[in-house]
Amino acid sequence: MRIADYDQALFHTHRSDWDSLLVLMVRTKDHFLSKKIEHFLHAYRFEHDYQIVQSQLYALLRYLDHAAEKTSDYLSELPSLNQL
């Protein structure tokens, strides 16, 4: 899991750059992120009910926030290379 994936997903979502978001969905190693992107893009393309699209967008954004926070916490707990 790379924190850069979460930053890129947020960036592409903010810019409505769906093609790049799709590429990130395929390339990321984080399966949860991939599924959240897939569900959002599917809702955005095929749903007629805006509430469903909004719900999928918020689910993606909540996951990005959660994953970036947990990844940052995990990386800060790792011993640095200077201490080895």
PDB file of N, CA and C in Angstrom:
ATOM      1  N   MET A   1       0.843  -1.165   0.000  1.00  0.00           N
ATOM      2  CA  MET A   1       0.000   0.000   0.000  1.00  0.00           C
ATOM      3  C   MET A   1       0.890   1.230   0.000  1.00  0.00           C
ATOM      4  N   ARG A   2       0.578   2.118  -0.883  1.00  0.00           N
ATOM      5  CA  ARG A   2       1.370   3.341  -1.014  1.00  0.00           C
ATOM      6  C   ARG A   2       0.484   4.540  -0.732  1.00  0.00           C
ATOM      7  N   ILE A   3       1.001   5.446   0.071  1.00  0.00           N
ATOM      8  CA  ILE A   3       0.219   6.647   0.375  1.00  0.00           C
ATOM      9  C   ILE A   3       0.027   7.480  -0.882  1.00  0.00           C
ATOM     10  N   ALA A   4       0.942   7.359  -1.843  1.00  0.00           N
ATOM     11  CA  ALA A   4       0.809   8.102  -3.099  1.00  0.00           C
ATOM     12  C   ALA A   4      -0.454   7.694  -3.853  1.00  0.00           C
ATOM     13  N   ASP A   5      -0.862   6.435  -3.744  1.00  0.00           N
ATOM     14  CA  ASP A   5      -2.095   5.991  -4.401  1.00  0.00           C
ATOM     15  C   ASP A   5      -3.302   6.751  -3.860  1.00  0.00           C
ATOM     16  N   TYR A   6      -3.334   6.966  -2.558  1.00  0.00           N
ATOM     17  CA  TYR A   6      -4.456   7.674  -1.945  1.00  0.00           C
ATOM     18  C   TYR A   6      -4.449   9.148  -2.352  1.00  0.00           C
ATOM     19  N   ASP A   7      -3.262   9.735  -2.404  1.00  0.00           N
ATOM     20  CA  ASP A   7      -3.150  11.128  -2.843  1.00  0.00           C
ATOM     21  C   ASP A   7      -3.574  11.275  -4.301  1.00  0.00           C
ATOM     22  N   GLN A   8      -3.140  10.335  -5.139  1.00  0.00           N
ATOM     23  CA  GLN A   8      -3.519  10.384  -6.554  1.00  0.00           C
ATOM     24  C   GLN A   8      -5.019  10.210  -6.725  1.00  0.00           C
ATOM     25  N   ALA A   9      -5.606   9.297  -5.977  1.00  0.00           N
ATOM     26  CA  ALA A   9      -7.051   9.069  -6.078  1.00  0.00           C
ATOM     27  C   ALA A   9      -7.816  10.329  -5.684  1.00  0.00           C
ATOM     28  N   LEU A  10      -7.390  10.973  -4.623  1.00  0.00           N
ATOM     29  CA  LEU A  10      -8.041  12.211  -4.198  1.00  0.00           C
ATOM     30  C   LEU A  10      -7.873  13.300  -5.255  1.00  0.00           C
ATOM     31  N   PHE A  11      -6.680  13.413  -5.809  1.00  0.00           N
ATOM     32  CA  PHE A  11      -6.396  14.417  -6.838  1.00  0.00           C
ATOM     33  C   PHE A  11      -7.263  14.196  -8.077  1.00  0.00           C
ATOM     34  N   HIS A  12      -7.305  12.961  -8.568  1.00  0.00           N
ATOM     35  CA  HIS A  12      -8.084  12.671  -9.778  1.00  0.00           C
ATOM     36  C   HIS A  12      -9.584  12.823  -9.527  1.00  0.00           C
ATOM     37  N   THR A  13     -10.030  12.481  -8.333  1.00  0.00           N
ATOM     38  CA  THR A  13     -11.444  12.647  -8.000  1.00  0.00           C
ATOM     39  C   THR A  13     -11.797  14.128  -7.949  1.00  0.00           C
ATOM     40  N   HIS A  14     -10.943  14.914  -7.337  1.00  0.00           N
ATOM     41  CA  HIS A  14     -11.179  16.359  -7.235  1.00  0.00           C
ATOM     42  C   HIS A  14     -11.242  17.012  -8.617  1.00  0.00           C
ATOM     43  N   ARG A  15     -10.389  16.557  -9.529  1.00  0.00           N
ATOM     44  CA  ARG A  15     -10.346  17.130 -10.876  1.00  0.00           C
ATOM     45  C   ARG A  15     -11.328  16.479 -11.840  1.00  0.00           C
ATOM     46  N   SER A  16     -12.087  15.506 -11.374  1.00  0.00           N
ATOM     47  CA  SER A  16     -13.018  14.740 -12.225  1.00  0.00           C
ATOM     48  C   SER A  16     -12.284  14.115 -13.406  1.00  0.00           C
ATOM     49  N   ASP A  17     -11.097  13.617 -13.138  1.00  0.00           N
ATOM     50  CA  ASP A  17     -10.263  12.973 -14.158  1.00  0.00           C
ATOM     51  C   ASP A  17     -10.502  11.467 -14.075  1.00  0.00           C
ATOM     52  N   TRP A  18     -11.629  11.034 -14.636  1.00  0.00           N
ATOM     53  CA  TRP A  18     -12.077   9.655 -14.469  1.00  0.00           C
ATOM     54  C   TRP A  18     -11.170   8.655 -15.179  1.00  0.00           C
ATOM     55  N   ASP A  19     -10.560   9.048 -16.305  1.00  0.00           N
ATOM     56  CA  ASP A  19      -9.661   8.127 -17.011  1.00  0.00           C
ATOM     57  C   ASP A  19      -8.450   7.777 -16.142  1.00  0.00           C
ATOM     58  N   SER A  20      -7.863   8.774 -15.531  1.00  0.00           N
ATOM     59  CA  SER A  20      -6.707   8.527 -14.659  1.00  0.00           C
ATOM     60  C   SER A  20      -7.109   7.758 -13.406  1.00  0.00           C
ATOM     61  N   LEU A  21      -8.317   8.017 -12.917  1.00  0.00           N
ATOM     62  CA  LEU A  21      -8.814   7.277 -11.756  1.00  0.00           C
ATOM     63  C   LEU A  21      -8.998   5.803 -12.110  1.00  0.00           C
ATOM     64  N   LEU A  22      -9.463   5.540 -13.326  1.00  0.00           N
ATOM     65  CA  LEU A  22      -9.618   4.163 -13.796  1.00  0.00           C
ATOM     66  C   LEU A  22      -8.264   3.461 -13.902  1.00  0.00           C
ATOM     67  N   VAL A  23      -7.264   4.160 -14.415  1.00  0.00           N
ATOM     68  CA  VAL A  23      -5.914   3.588 -14.508  1.00  0.00           C
ATOM     69  C   VAL A  23      -5.380   3.278 -13.113  1.00  0.00           C
ATOM     70  N   LEU A  24      -5.592   4.188 -12.174  1.00  0.00           N
ATOM     71  CA  LEU A  24      -5.159   3.957 -10.790  1.00  0.00           C
ATOM     72  C   LEU A  24      -5.874   2.753 -10.195  1.00  0.00           C
ATOM     73  N   MET A  25      -7.160   2.604 -10.500  1.00  0.00           N
ATOM     74  CA  MET A  25      -7.937   1.465 -10.003  1.00  0.00           C
ATOM     75  C   MET A  25      -7.293   0.145 -10.431  1.00  0.00           C
ATOM     76  N   VAL A  26      -6.806   0.093 -11.660  1.00  0.00           N
ATOM     77  CA  VAL A  26      -6.203  -1.134 -12.185  1.00  0.00           C
ATOM     78  C   VAL A  26      -4.810  -1.362 -11.603  1.00  0.00           C
ATOM     79  N   ARG A  27      -4.052  -0.304 -11.402  1.00  0.00           N
ATOM     80  CA  ARG A  27      -2.643  -0.440 -11.007  1.00  0.00           C
ATOM     81  C   ARG A  27      -2.395  -0.564  -9.510  1.00  0.00           C
ATOM     82  N   THR A  28      -3.320  -0.099  -8.690  1.00  0.00           N
ATOM     83  CA  THR A  28      -3.064  -0.098  -7.248  1.00  0.00           C
ATOM     84  C   THR A  28      -3.046  -1.522  -6.691  1.00  0.00           C
ATOM     85  N   LYS A  29      -2.269  -1.701  -5.648  1.00  0.00           N
ATOM     86  CA  LYS A  29      -2.202  -2.993  -4.961  1.00  0.00           C
ATOM     87  C   LYS A  29      -3.250  -3.086  -3.846  1.00  0.00           C
ATOM     88  N   ASP A  30      -3.881  -1.967  -3.525  1.00  0.00           N
ATOM     89  CA  ASP A  30      -4.897  -1.917  -2.473  1.00  0.00           C
ATOM     90  C   ASP A  30      -6.244  -2.326  -3.072  1.00  0.00           C
ATOM     91  N   HIS A  31      -6.686  -3.532  -2.748  1.00  0.00           N
ATOM     92  CA  HIS A  31      -7.919  -4.061  -3.336  1.00  0.00           C
ATOM     93  C   HIS A  31      -9.154  -3.298  -2.860  1.00  0.00           C
ATOM     94  N   PHE A  32      -9.125  -2.819  -1.625  1.00  0.00           N
ATOM     95  CA  PHE A  32     -10.263  -2.039  -1.126  1.00  0.00           C
ATOM     96  C   PHE A  32     -10.387  -0.719  -1.896  1.00  0.00           C
ATOM     97  N   LEU A  33      -9.262  -0.065  -2.129  1.00  0.00           N
ATOM     98  CA  LEU A  33      -9.274   1.173  -2.906  1.00  0.00           C
ATOM     99  C   LEU A  33      -9.786   0.907  -4.311  1.00  0.00           C
ATOM    100  N   SER A  34      -9.319  -0.168  -4.900  1.00  0.00           N
ATOM    101  CA  SER A  34      -9.755  -0.533  -6.244  1.00  0.00           C
ATOM    102  C   SER A  34     -11.267  -0.729  -6.300  1.00  0.00           C
ATOM    103  N   LYS A  35     -11.829  -1.424  -5.325  1.00  0.00           N
ATOM    104  CA  LYS A  35     -13.277  -1.665  -5.286  1.00  0.00           C
ATOM    105  C   LYS A  35     -14.055  -0.371  -5.063  1.00  0.00           C
ATOM    106  N   LYS A  36     -13.561   0.491  -4.179  1.00  0.00           N
ATOM    107  CA  LYS A  36     -14.251   1.759  -3.925  1.00  0.00           C
ATOM    108  C   LYS A  36     -14.280   2.617  -5.192  1.00  0.00           C
ATOM    109  N   ILE A  37     -13.160   2.656  -5.909  1.00  0.00           N
ATOM    110  CA  ILE A  37     -13.112   3.404  -7.171  1.00  0.00           C
ATOM    111  C   ILE A  37     -14.060   2.780  -8.181  1.00  0.00           C
ATOM    112  N   GLU A  38     -14.041   1.451  -8.281  1.00  0.00           N
ATOM    113  CA  GLU A  38     -14.917   0.753  -9.225  1.00  0.00           C
ATOM    114  C   GLU A  38     -16.388   1.065  -8.949  1.00  0.00           C
ATOM    115  N   HIS A  39     -16.791   0.992  -7.702  1.00  0.00           N
ATOM    116  CA  HIS A  39     -18.189   1.257  -7.346  1.00  0.00           C
ATOM    117  C   HIS A  39     -18.578   2.702  -7.650  1.00  0.00           C
ATOM    118  N   PHE A  40     -17.669   3.631  -7.361  1.00  0.00           N
ATOM    119  CA  PHE A  40     -17.977   5.028  -7.654  1.00  0.00           C
ATOM    120  C   PHE A  40     -18.094   5.267  -9.155  1.00  0.00           C
ATOM    121  N   LEU A  41     -17.127   4.782  -9.932  1.00  0.00           N
ATOM    122  CA  LEU A  41     -17.169   5.011 -11.379  1.00  0.00           C
ATOM    123  C   LEU A  41     -18.386   4.356 -12.013  1.00  0.00           C
ATOM    124  N   HIS A  42     -18.758   3.185 -11.528  1.00  0.00           N
ATOM    125  CA  HIS A  42     -19.952   2.515 -12.052  1.00  0.00           C
ATOM    126  C   HIS A  42     -21.202   3.343 -11.742  1.00  0.00           C
ATOM    127  N   ALA A  43     -21.303   3.822 -10.523  1.00  0.00           N
ATOM    128  CA  ALA A  43     -22.462   4.646 -10.152  1.00  0.00           C
ATOM    129  C   ALA A  43     -22.483   5.940 -10.959  1.00  0.00           C
ATOM    130  N   TYR A  44     -21.324   6.555 -11.124  1.00  0.00           N
ATOM    131  CA  TYR A  44     -21.246   7.820 -11.863  1.00  0.00           C
ATOM    132  C   TYR A  44     -21.701   7.643 -13.308  1.00  0.00           C
ATOM    133  N   ARG A  45     -21.334   6.515 -13.893  1.00  0.00           N
ATOM    134  CA  ARG A  45     -21.639   6.289 -15.310  1.00  0.00           C
ATOM    135  C   ARG A  45     -23.061   5.779 -15.542  1.00  0.00           C
ATOM    136  N   PHE A  46     -23.555   4.914 -14.672  1.00  0.00           N
ATOM    137  CA  PHE A  46     -24.790   4.201 -14.980  1.00  0.00           C
ATOM    138  C   PHE A  46     -25.994   4.561 -14.113  1.00  0.00           C
ATOM    139  N   GLU A  47     -25.778   5.163 -12.962  1.00  0.00           N
ATOM    140  CA  GLU A  47     -26.910   5.457 -12.075  1.00  0.00           C
ATOM    141  C   GLU A  47     -27.603   6.750 -12.486  1.00  0.00           C
ATOM    142  N   HIS A  48     -28.913   6.742 -12.411  1.00  0.00           N
ATOM    143  CA  HIS A  48     -29.691   7.942 -12.697  1.00  0.00           C
ATOM    144  C   HIS A  48     -30.053   8.683 -11.414  1.00  0.00           C
ATOM    145  N   ASP A  49     -29.939   7.995 -10.299  1.00  0.00           N
ATOM    146  CA  ASP A  49     -30.247   8.590  -9.000  1.00  0.00           C
ATOM    147  C   ASP A  49     -28.978   9.237  -8.430  1.00  0.00           C
ATOM    148  N   TYR A  50     -28.992  10.552  -8.316  1.00  0.00           N
ATOM    149  CA  TYR A  50     -27.822  11.275  -7.839  1.00  0.00           C
ATOM    150  C   TYR A  50     -27.444  10.883  -6.413  1.00  0.00           C
ATOM    151  N   GLN A  51     -28.411  10.485  -5.607  1.00  0.00           N
ATOM    152  CA  GLN A  51     -28.125  10.098  -4.220  1.00  0.00           C
ATOM    153  C   GLN A  51     -27.187   8.888  -4.167  1.00  0.00           C
ATOM    154  N   ILE A  52     -27.345   7.965  -5.097  1.00  0.00           N
ATOM    155  CA  ILE A  52     -26.472   6.786  -5.136  1.00  0.00           C
ATOM    156  C   ILE A  52     -25.061   7.197  -5.536  1.00  0.00           C
ATOM    157  N   VAL A  53     -24.954   8.070  -6.528  1.00  0.00           N
ATOM    158  CA  VAL A  53     -23.639   8.564  -6.954  1.00  0.00           C
ATOM    159  C   VAL A  53     -22.965   9.286  -5.794  1.00  0.00           C
ATOM    160  N   GLN A  54     -23.711  10.132  -5.117  1.00  0.00           N
ATOM    161  CA  GLN A  54     -23.176  10.878  -3.983  1.00  0.00           C
ATOM    162  C   GLN A  54     -22.743   9.935  -2.858  1.00  0.00           C
ATOM    163  N   SER A  55     -23.524   8.923  -2.608  1.00  0.00           N
ATOM    164  CA  SER A  55     -23.190   7.953  -1.567  1.00  0.00           C
ATOM    165  C   SER A  55     -21.898   7.205  -1.895  1.00  0.00           C
ATOM    166  N   GLN A  56     -21.717   6.820  -3.149  1.00  0.00           N
ATOM    167  CA  GLN A  56     -20.491   6.120  -3.559  1.00  0.00           C
ATOM    168  C   GLN A  56     -19.283   7.055  -3.509  1.00  0.00           C
ATOM    169  N   LEU A  57     -19.488   8.315  -3.878  1.00  0.00           N
ATOM    170  CA  LEU A  57     -18.401   9.294  -3.796  1.00  0.00           C
ATOM    171  C   LEU A  57     -17.973   9.482  -2.346  1.00  0.00           C
ATOM    172  N   TYR A  58     -18.933   9.636  -1.440  1.00  0.00           N
ATOM    173  CA  TYR A  58     -18.600   9.812  -0.027  1.00  0.00           C
ATOM    174  C   TYR A  58     -17.931   8.566   0.547  1.00  0.00           C
ATOM    175  N   ALA A  59     -18.343   7.391   0.097  1.00  0.00           N
ATOM    176  CA  ALA A  59     -17.699   6.150   0.556  1.00  0.00           C
ATOM    177  C   ALA A  59     -16.238   6.120   0.111  1.00  0.00           C
ATOM    178  N   LEU A  60     -15.982   6.527  -1.119  1.00  0.00           N
ATOM    179  CA  LEU A  60     -14.605   6.586  -1.627  1.00  0.00           C
ATOM    180  C   LEU A  60     -13.792   7.602  -0.831  1.00  0.00           C
ATOM    181  N   LEU A  61     -14.337   8.781  -0.617  1.00  0.00           N
ATOM    182  CA  LEU A  61     -13.603   9.818   0.114  1.00  0.00           C
ATOM    183  C   LEU A  61     -13.346   9.421   1.567  1.00  0.00           C
ATOM    184  N   ARG A  62     -14.321   8.782   2.211  1.00  0.00           N
ATOM    185  CA  ARG A  62     -14.116   8.306   3.591  1.00  0.00           C
ATOM    186  C   ARG A  62     -13.001   7.266   3.634  1.00  0.00           C
ATOM    187  N   TYR A  63     -12.987   6.358   2.647  1.00  0.00           N
ATOM    188  CA  TYR A  63     -11.941   5.343   2.626  1.00  0.00           C
ATOM    189  C   TYR A  63     -10.571   5.984   2.393  1.00  0.00           C
ATOM    190  N   LEU A  64     -10.497   6.947   1.485  1.00  0.00           N
ATOM    191  CA  LEU A  64      -9.223   7.620   1.228  1.00  0.00           C
ATOM    192  C   LEU A  64      -8.701   8.289   2.494  1.00  0.00           C
ATOM    193  N   ASP A  65      -9.578   8.945   3.220  1.00  0.00           N
ATOM    194  CA  ASP A  65      -9.184   9.606   4.464  1.00  0.00           C
ATOM    195  C   ASP A  65      -8.699   8.586   5.489  1.00  0.00           C
ATOM    196  N   HIS A  66      -9.458   7.527   5.656  1.00  0.00           N
ATOM    197  CA  HIS A  66      -9.109   6.481   6.619  1.00  0.00           C
ATOM    198  C   HIS A  66      -7.781   5.812   6.250  1.00  0.00           C
ATOM    199  N   ALA A  67      -7.635   5.413   4.997  1.00  0.00           N
ATOM    200  CA  ALA A  67      -6.437   4.684   4.572  1.00  0.00           C
ATOM    201  C   ALA A  67      -5.191   5.560   4.645  1.00  0.00           C
ATOM    202  N   ALA A  68      -5.303   6.805   4.243  1.00  0.00           N
ATOM    203  CA  ALA A  68      -4.147   7.701   4.307  1.00  0.00           C
ATOM    204  C   ALA A  68      -3.725   7.929   5.755  1.00  0.00           C
ATOM    205  N   GLU A  69      -4.694   8.071   6.644  1.00  0.00           N
ATOM    206  CA  GLU A  69      -4.384   8.268   8.063  1.00  0.00           C
ATOM    207  C   GLU A  69      -3.707   7.030   8.651  1.00  0.00           C
ATOM    208  N   LYS A  70      -4.255   5.858   8.379  1.00  0.00           N
ATOM    209  CA  LYS A  70      -3.690   4.623   8.931  1.00  0.00           C
ATOM    210  C   LYS A  70      -2.318   4.333   8.341  1.00  0.00           C
ATOM    211  N   THR A  71      -2.131   4.621   7.057  1.00  0.00           N
ATOM    212  CA  THR A  71      -0.832   4.398   6.430  1.00  0.00           C
ATOM    213  C   THR A  71       0.206   5.336   7.027  1.00  0.00           C
ATOM    214  N   SER A  72      -0.172   6.589   7.246  1.00  0.00           N
ATOM    215  CA  SER A  72       0.748   7.547   7.869  1.00  0.00           C
ATOM    216  C   SER A  72       1.122   7.105   9.277  1.00  0.00           C
ATOM    217  N   ASP A  73       0.134   6.641  10.040  1.00  0.00           N
ATOM    218  CA  ASP A  73       0.404   6.149  11.394  1.00  0.00           C
ATOM    219  C   ASP A  73       1.349   4.956  11.358  1.00  0.00           C
ATOM    220  N   TYR A  74       1.120   4.043  10.427  1.00  0.00           N
ATOM    221  CA  TYR A  74       1.951   2.853  10.307  1.00  0.00           C
ATOM    222  C   TYR A  74       3.380   3.235   9.937  1.00  0.00           C
ATOM    223  N   LEU A  75       3.528   4.133   8.979  1.00  0.00           N
ATOM    224  CA  LEU A  75       4.864   4.533   8.546  1.00  0.00           C
ATOM    225  C   LEU A  75       5.609   5.277   9.648  1.00  0.00           C
ATOM    226  N   SER A  76       4.899   6.032  10.465  1.00  0.00           N
ATOM    227  CA  SER A  76       5.569   6.759  11.547  1.00  0.00           C
ATOM    228  C   SER A  76       6.029   5.816  12.656  1.00  0.00           C
ATOM    229  N   GLU A  77       5.395   4.654  12.772  1.00  0.00           N
ATOM    230  CA  GLU A  77       5.785   3.688  13.801  1.00  0.00           C
ATOM    231  C   GLU A  77       6.977   2.831  13.383  1.00  0.00           C
ATOM    232  N   LEU A  78       7.278   2.789  12.104  1.00  0.00           N
ATOM    233  CA  LEU A  78       8.409   1.991  11.638  1.00  0.00           C
ATOM    234  C   LEU A  78       9.715   2.631  12.086  1.00  0.00           C
ATOM    235  N   PRO A  79      10.692   1.816  12.446  1.00  0.00           N
ATOM    236  CA  PRO A  79      11.987   2.397  12.804  1.00  0.00           C
ATOM    237  C   PRO A  79      12.631   2.990  11.555  1.00  0.00           C
ATOM    238  N   SER A  80      13.220   4.144  11.713  1.00  0.00           N
ATOM    239  CA  SER A  80      13.850   4.783  10.555  1.00  0.00           C
ATOM    240  C   SER A  80      15.150   4.067  10.225  1.00  0.00           C
ATOM    241  N   LEU A  81      15.618   4.258   9.016  1.00  0.00           N
ATOM    242  CA  LEU A  81      16.853   3.611   8.580  1.00  0.00           C
ATOM    243  C   LEU A  81      18.058   4.154   9.336  1.00  0.00           C
ATOM    244  N   ASN A  82      17.971   5.381   9.825  1.00  0.00           N
ATOM    245  CA  ASN A  82      19.080   5.968  10.574  1.00  0.00           C
ATOM    246  C   ASN A  82      19.276   5.293  11.929  1.00  0.00           C
ATOM    247  N   GLN A  83      18.215   4.733  12.488  1.00  0.00           N
ATOM    248  CA  GLN A  83      18.316   4.097  13.796  1.00  0.00           C
ATOM    249  C   GLN A  83      18.891   2.695  13.700  1.00  0.00           C
ATOM    250  N   LEU A  84      18.917   2.124  12.518  1.00  0.00           N
ATOM    251  CA  LEU A  84      19.424   0.754  12.366  1.00  0.00           C
ATOM    252  C   LEU A  84      20.898   0.690  12.346  1.00  0.00           C
TER     253      LEU A  84
END
